[in-house]
C-alpha atoms as a PDB file:
ATOM      1  CA  MET A   1     112.231 101.866  91.791  1.00  0.00           C
ATOM      2  CA  LYS A   2     111.631 100.495  88.335  1.00  0.00           C
ATOM      3  CA  ILE A   3     109.957  97.513  86.718  1.00  0.00           C
ATOM      4  CA  THR A   4     111.680  96.638  83.455  1.00  0.00           C
ATOM      5  CA  ALA A   5     109.658  93.609  82.343  1.00  0.00           C
ATOM      6  CA  LEU A   6     106.750  91.315  83.198  1.00  0.00           C
ATOM      7  CA  LEU A   7     106.350  87.935  81.510  1.00  0.00           C
ATOM      8  CA  VAL A   8     103.922  85.019  81.767  1.00  0.00           C
ATOM      9  CA  LEU A   9     105.292  81.607  80.772  1.00  0.00           C
ATOM     10  CA  LYS A  10     104.134  78.017  80.532  1.00  0.00           C
ATOM     11  CA  CYS A  11     106.644  75.720  82.218  1.00  0.00           C
ATOM     12  CA  MET A  12     107.176  72.445  80.402  1.00  0.00           C
ATOM     13  CA  PRO A  13     107.277  69.333  82.590  1.00  0.00           C
ATOM     14  CA  GLU A  14     109.833  67.511  80.404  1.00  0.00           C
ATOM     15  CA  GLY A  15     112.530  70.091  81.109  1.00  0.00           C
ATOM     16  CA  ALA A  16     112.109  71.813  77.737  1.00  0.00           C
ATOM     17  CA  ASP A  17     112.305  75.586  77.505  1.00  0.00           C
ATOM     18  CA  PRO A  18     109.235  77.376  78.902  1.00  0.00           C
ATOM     19  CA  ILE A  19     106.856  78.965  76.387  1.00  0.00           C
ATOM     20  CA  ILE A  20     106.249  82.723  76.606  1.00  0.00           C
ATOM     21  CA  LEU A  21     102.503  83.417  76.792  1.00  0.00           C
ATOM     22  CA  ALA A  22     102.665  87.193  77.379  1.00  0.00           C
ATOM     23  CA  ASN A  23     105.481  89.711  77.503  1.00  0.00           C
ATOM     24  CA  ALA A  24     105.700  93.420  78.383  1.00  0.00           C
ATOM     25  CA  CYS A  25     109.014  95.298  78.492  1.00  0.00           C
ATOM     26  CA  ASP A  26     110.044  98.877  79.118  1.00  0.00           C
ATOM     27  CA  VAL A  27     113.651  99.246  78.007  1.00  0.00           C
ATOM     28  CA  SER A  28     113.467 102.997  77.368  1.00  0.00           C
ATOM     29  CA  HIS A  29     116.009 103.695  80.126  1.00  0.00           C
ATOM     30  CA  PHE A  30     118.665 101.726  78.179  1.00  0.00           C
ATOM     31  CA  GLY A  31     120.619 103.126  75.259  1.00  0.00           C
ATOM     32  CA  PHE A  32     118.924 102.852  71.868  1.00  0.00           C
ATOM     33  CA  PHE A  33     121.461 100.364  70.470  1.00  0.00           C
ATOM     34  CA  GLN A  34     121.332  98.229  73.633  1.00  0.00           C
ATOM     35  CA  ARG A  35     117.548  97.742  73.674  1.00  0.00           C
ATOM     36  CA  SER A  36     117.312  94.715  71.380  1.00  0.00           C
ATOM     37  CA  SER A  37     120.079  92.945  73.317  1.00  0.00           C
ATOM     38  CA  VAL A  38     118.346  93.759  76.603  1.00  0.00           C
ATOM     39  CA  ARG A  39     115.040  92.305  75.303  1.00  0.00           C
ATOM     40  CA  GLU A  40     116.849  89.109  74.249  1.00  0.00           C
ATOM     41  CA  PHE A  41     118.560  88.896  77.627  1.00  0.00           C
ATOM     42  CA  ILE A  42     115.191  89.317  79.405  1.00  0.00           C
ATOM     43  CA  VAL A  43     113.710  86.432  77.391  1.00  0.00           C
ATOM     44  CA  PHE A  44     116.759  84.225  78.052  1.00  0.00           C
ATOM     45  CA  VAL A  45     116.810  84.912  81.811  1.00  0.00           C
ATOM     46  CA  SER A  46     113.021  84.489  82.041  1.00  0.00           C
ATOM     47  CA  ARG A  47     113.147  81.045  80.480  1.00  0.00           C
ATOM     48  CA  THR A  48     116.085  80.044  82.672  1.00  0.00           C
ATOM     49  CA  VAL A  49     114.513  81.229  85.947  1.00  0.00           C
ATOM     50  CA  ALA A  50     111.048  79.854  85.069  1.00  0.00           C
ATOM     51  CA  LYS A  51     112.552  76.441  84.264  1.00  0.00           C
ATOM     52  CA  ARG A  52     114.243  76.387  87.693  1.00  0.00           C
ATOM     53  CA  THR A  53     111.247  77.568  89.744  1.00  0.00           C
ATOM     54  CA  PRO A  54     109.376  74.519  91.083  1.00  0.00           C
ATOM     55  CA  PRO A  55     105.550  74.550  90.956  1.00  0.00           C
ATOM     56  CA  GLY A  56     104.008  76.320  93.944  1.00  0.00           C
ATOM     57  CA  GLN A  57     107.242  78.181  94.724  1.00  0.00           C
ATOM     58  CA  ARG A  58     108.437  81.773  94.616  1.00  0.00           C
ATOM     59  CA  GLN A  59     112.024  82.846  94.229  1.00  0.00           C
ATOM     60  CA  SER A  60     114.168  85.909  93.659  1.00  0.00           C
ATOM     61  CA  VAL A  61     117.429  85.969  91.759  1.00  0.00           C
ATOM     62  CA  GLN A  62     119.824  88.924  92.098  1.00  0.00           C
ATOM     63  CA  HIS A  63     121.970  90.100  89.195  1.00  0.00           C
ATOM     64  CA  GLU A  64     123.942  93.306  89.788  1.00  0.00           C
ATOM     65  CA  GLU A  65     121.371  96.047  90.551  1.00  0.00           C
ATOM     66  CA  TYR A  66     118.407  94.000  89.305  1.00  0.00           C
ATOM     67  CA  LYS A  67     116.252  91.293  90.835  1.00  0.00           C
ATOM     68  CA  VAL A  68     114.261  88.724  88.899  1.00  0.00           C
ATOM     69  CA  HIS A  69     111.233  87.564  90.882  1.00  0.00           C
ATOM     70  CA  SER A  70     109.320  84.472  89.812  1.00  0.00           C
ATOM     71  CA  TYR A  71     106.192  82.664  90.927  1.00  0.00           C
ATOM     72  CA  ASN A  72     105.173  79.287  89.501  1.00  0.00           C
ATOM     73  CA  ARG A  73     101.536  78.329  90.051  1.00  0.00           C
ATOM     74  CA  ASN A  74     101.104  74.744  88.807  1.00  0.00           C
ATOM     75  CA  GLY A  75     103.076  75.276  85.610  1.00  0.00           C
ATOM     76  CA  LEU A  76     101.935  78.835  84.914  1.00  0.00           C
ATOM     77  CA  CYS A  77     104.872  81.050  85.805  1.00  0.00           C
ATOM     78  CA  VAL A  78     105.064  84.831  86.022  1.00  0.00           C
ATOM     79  CA  ILE A  79     108.406  86.666  85.989  1.00  0.00           C
ATOM     80  CA  GLY A  80     109.154  90.261  86.994  1.00  0.00           C
ATOM     81  CA  PHE A  81     112.375  92.167  86.342  1.00  0.00           C
ATOM     82  CA  MET A  82     112.721  94.937  88.928  1.00  0.00           C
ATOM     83  CA  ASP A  83     115.557  97.072  90.178  1.00  0.00           C
ATOM     84  CA  ASP A  84     117.053  96.316  93.573  1.00  0.00           C
ATOM     85  CA  HIS A  85     115.041  99.050  95.339  1.00  0.00           C
ATOM     86  CA  TYR A  86     111.599  97.649  94.444  1.00  0.00           C
ATOM     87  CA  PRO A  87     110.182  96.064  97.647  1.00  0.00           C
ATOM     88  CA  VAL A  88     110.044  92.257  97.514  1.00  0.00           C
ATOM     89  CA  ARG A  89     106.579  92.060  99.084  1.00  0.00           C
ATOM     90  CA  SER A  90     105.218  94.482  96.477  1.00  0.00           C
ATOM     91  CA  ALA A  91     106.914  92.507  93.699  1.00  0.00           C
ATOM     92  CA  PHE A  92     105.307  89.216  94.715  1.00  0.00           C
ATOM     93  CA  SER A  93     101.966  90.936  95.275  1.00  0.00           C
ATOM     94  CA  LEU A  94     102.176  92.221  91.690  1.00  0.00           C
ATOM     95  CA  LEU A  95     103.133  88.774  90.336  1.00  0.00           C
ATOM     96  CA  ASN A  96     100.168  87.266  92.172  1.00  0.00           C
ATOM     97  CA  GLN A  97      97.811  89.868  90.658  1.00  0.00           C
ATOM     98  CA  VAL A  98      99.183  89.245  87.144  1.00  0.00           C
ATOM     99  CA  ILE A  99      98.780  85.471  87.383  1.00  0.00           C
ATOM    100  CA  ASP A 100      95.244  85.843  88.787  1.00  0.00           C
ATOM    101  CA  GLU A 101      94.298  88.205  85.962  1.00  0.00           C
ATOM    102  CA  TYR A 102      95.819  85.885  83.353  1.00  0.00           C
ATOM    103  CA  GLN A 103      93.826  82.907  84.615  1.00  0.00           C
ATOM    104  CA  LYS A 104      90.674  85.042  84.772  1.00  0.00           C
ATOM    105  CA  ASN A 105      91.103  86.189  81.152  1.00  0.00           C
ATOM    106  CA  PHE A 106      92.427  83.024  79.509  1.00  0.00           C
ATOM    107  CA  GLY A 107      91.353  80.226  81.864  1.00  0.00           C
ATOM    108  CA  GLU A 108      93.178  76.959  81.209  1.00  0.00           C
ATOM    109  CA  SER A 109      93.864  77.678  77.510  1.00  0.00           C
ATOM    110  CA  TRP A 110      97.548  78.223  78.346  1.00  0.00           C
ATOM    111  CA  ARG A 111      97.964  74.471  78.868  1.00  0.00           C
ATOM    112  CA  THR A 112      97.578  73.828  75.114  1.00  0.00           C
ATOM    113  CA  ALA A 113     100.094  76.493  73.993  1.00  0.00           C
ATOM    114  CA  GLN A 114     102.874  75.032  71.823  1.00  0.00           C
ATOM    115  CA  ALA A 115     104.821  78.162  70.790  1.00  0.00           C
ATOM    116  CA  ASP A 116     105.654  81.641  72.056  1.00  0.00           C
ATOM    117  CA  SER A 117     102.763  84.085  71.776  1.00  0.00           C
ATOM    118  CA  THR A 118     103.396  87.293  69.870  1.00  0.00           C
ATOM    119  CA  GLU A 119      99.972  88.792  70.592  1.00  0.00           C
ATOM    120  CA  PRO A 120     100.056  91.729  73.023  1.00  0.00           C
ATOM    121  CA  TRP A 121      98.096  91.477  76.248  1.00  0.00           C
ATOM    122  CA  PRO A 122      96.997  95.049  77.115  1.00  0.00           C
ATOM    123  CA  TYR A 123      96.596  94.268  80.831  1.00  0.00           C
ATOM    124  CA  LEU A 124     100.301  93.396  81.124  1.00  0.00           C
ATOM    125  CA  ASP A 125     101.371  96.624  79.398  1.00  0.00           C
ATOM    126  CA  ASN A 126      99.084  98.621  81.707  1.00  0.00           C
ATOM    127  CA  ALA A 127     100.375  96.760  84.773  1.00  0.00           C
ATOM    128  CA  LEU A 128     103.959  97.535  83.759  1.00  0.00           C
ATOM    129  CA  THR A 129     103.103 101.240  83.777  1.00  0.00           C
ATOM    130  CA  LYS A 130     100.702 101.329  86.740  1.00  0.00           C
ATOM    131  CA  TYR A 131     102.810  99.346  89.187  1.00  0.00           C
ATOM    132  CA  GLN A 132     106.009 101.361  88.773  1.00  0.00           C
ATOM    133  CA  ASP A 133     104.890 102.733  92.136  1.00  0.00           C
ATOM    134  CA  PRO A 134     105.128  99.762  94.539  1.00  0.00           C
ATOM    135  CA  ALA A 135     102.302 101.170  96.688  1.00  0.00           C
ATOM    136  CA  GLU A 136      99.892 100.401  93.845  1.00  0.00           C
ATOM    137  CA  ALA A 137     100.793  96.717  94.006  1.00  0.00           C
ATOM    138  CA  ASP A 138     100.951  96.441  97.776  1.00  0.00           C
ATOM    139  CA  LYS A 139      97.984  97.904  99.657  1.00  0.00           C
ATOM    140  CA  LEU A 140      99.778  97.638 103.017  1.00  0.00           C
ATOM    141  CA  LEU A 141     102.632  99.764 101.693  1.00  0.00           C
ATOM    142  CA  LYS A 142     100.107 102.304 100.404  1.00  0.00           C
ATOM    143  CA  ILE A 143      98.389 102.486 103.805  1.00  0.00           C
ATOM    144  CA  GLN A 144     101.767 102.823 105.554  1.00  0.00           C
ATOM    145  CA  ARG A 145     102.724 105.702 103.238  1.00  0.00           C
ATOM    146  CA  GLU A 146      99.420 107.476 103.989  1.00  0.00           C
ATOM    147  CA  LEU A 147      99.962 106.984 107.742  1.00  0.00           C
ATOM    148  CA  ASP A 148     103.466 108.423 107.466  1.00  0.00           C
ATOM    149  CA  GLU A 149     102.094 111.502 105.700  1.00  0.00           C
ATOM    150  CA  THR A 150      99.469 111.918 108.422  1.00  0.00           C
ATOM    151  CA  LYS A 151     102.130 111.575 111.115  1.00  0.00           C
ATOM    152  CA  ILE A 152     104.159 114.376 109.526  1.00  0.00           C
ATOM    153  CA  ILE A 153     101.126 116.644 109.666  1.00  0.00           C
ATOM    154  CA  LEU A 154     100.441 115.746 113.300  1.00  0.00           C
ATOM    155  CA  HIS A 155     104.005 116.567 114.285  1.00  0.00           C
ATOM    156  CA  GLN A 156     103.522 120.206 113.365  1.00  0.00           C
ATOM    157  CA  THR A 157     102.811 122.347 116.396  1.00  0.00           C
ATOM    158  CA  ILE A 158      99.748 124.543 116.753  1.00  0.00           C
ATOM    159  CA  ASP A 159     101.997 127.605 116.450  1.00  0.00           C
ATOM    160  CA  SER A 160     103.236 126.543 113.002  1.00  0.00           C
ATOM    161  CA  VAL A 161      99.653 125.962 111.829  1.00  0.00           C
ATOM    162  CA  LEU A 162      98.586 129.496 112.716  1.00  0.00           C
ATOM    163  CA  ALA A 163      98.722 131.818 109.743  1.00  0.00           C
ATOM    164  CA  ARG A 164     100.836 134.963 109.331  1.00  0.00           C
ATOM    165  CA  GLY A 165     102.441 134.976 112.744  1.00  0.00           C
ATOM    166  CA  GLU A 166      99.248 135.125 114.770  1.00  0.00           C
ATOM    167  CA  LYS A 167      99.914 134.251 118.372  1.00  0.00           C
ATOM    168  CA  LEU A 168      97.821 131.765 120.275  1.00  0.00           C
ATOM    169  CA  ASP A 169      97.466 134.361 123.046  1.00  0.00           C
ATOM    170  CA  SER A 170      95.800 136.899 120.766  1.00  0.00           C
ATOM    171  CA  LEU A 171      93.472 134.251 119.347  1.00  0.00           C
ATOM    172  CA  VAL A 172      92.409 133.215 122.859  1.00  0.00           C
ATOM    173  CA  GLU A 173      91.621 136.842 123.721  1.00  0.00           C
ATOM    174  CA  LYS A 174      89.580 137.343 120.527  1.00  0.00           C
ATOM    175  CA  SER A 175      87.736 134.047 120.682  1.00  0.00           C
ATOM    176  CA  SER A 176      84.026 134.168 121.370  1.00  0.00           C
ATOM    177  CA  ASP A 177      83.978 130.395 121.848  1.00  0.00           C
ATOM    178  CA  LEU A 178      85.861 130.577 125.141  1.00  0.00           C
ATOM    179  CA  SER A 179      84.200 131.769 128.299  1.00  0.00           C
ATOM    180  CA  ALA A 180      85.910 134.274 130.582  1.00  0.00           C
ATOM    181  CA  ALA A 181      86.771 131.418 132.953  1.00  0.00           C
ATOM    182  CA  SER A 182      88.479 129.463 130.178  1.00  0.00           C
ATOM    183  CA  GLN A 183      90.451 132.508 129.096  1.00  0.00           C
ATOM    184  CA  MET A 184      91.553 133.106 132.687  1.00  0.00           C
ATOM    185  CA  PHE A 185      92.530 129.427 133.033  1.00  0.00           C
ATOM    186  CA  TYR A 186      94.657 129.635 129.852  1.00  0.00           C
ATOM    187  CA  SER A 187      96.488 132.789 130.974  1.00  0.00           C
ATOM    188  CA  GLN A 188      97.124 131.450 134.514  1.00  0.00           C
ATOM    189  CA  ALA A 189      98.360 128.100 133.150  1.00  0.00           C
ATOM    190  CA  LYS A 190     100.721 129.944 130.858  1.00  0.00           C
ATOM    191  CA  LYS A 191     102.096 132.031 133.758  1.00  0.00           C
ATOM    192  CA  THR A 192     102.542 128.928 135.895  1.00  0.00           C
ATOM    193  CA  ASN A 193     104.392 127.106 133.114  1.00  0.00           C
ATOM    194  CA  GLN A 194     106.694 130.114 132.544  1.00  0.00           C
ATOM    195  CA  CYS A 195     107.934 130.220 136.107  1.00  0.00           C
ATOM    196  CA  CYS A 196     108.749 126.511 136.098  1.00  0.00           C
ATOM    197  CA  SER A 197     110.656 126.309 132.833  1.00  0.00           C
ATOM    198  CA  ILE A 198     114.352 125.530 133.043  1.00  0.00           C
ATOM    199  CA  LEU A 199     116.657 127.117 130.495  1.00  0.00           C
END
């Protein structure tokens, strides 16, 4: 799962090309001589998808093994280039966080932008790195992953938890926490279960 680029654009109502307000790309997984072409392609596709995303809408466009996700909030559009394995819910959660952060930092100043911005926005660069793991963008996915890890632990039997081949029987005999009646109950229950097992 990989995020290649995140961009924030101002969509023009007259149908003109959208203006790039912020841009963060990680093209290190492409060949050195391909990187400039990839950056140009990202800008071209971003403008094209942003222009065709109506205000208040979200959309995903598939191209080979990549997906371009876009979210247009009243003319402020955020675009994410992810590989096909990046979960869609996490992608749109990330886009929502980026657009919220942009509006928090810059307010409505984006409405007066007339040309592409070349100034870096550190938050976008950090987001590109931090959210490579989709669980960081989507809290539900993170909780699900933690539950799955807990489930794996719970599936281990008590015998596999015991260290160095200790048997449960010997621990029951040595235990000072169990009364004589409890120890007798354990041994009788074990005998009863042995006679009833079918091979």
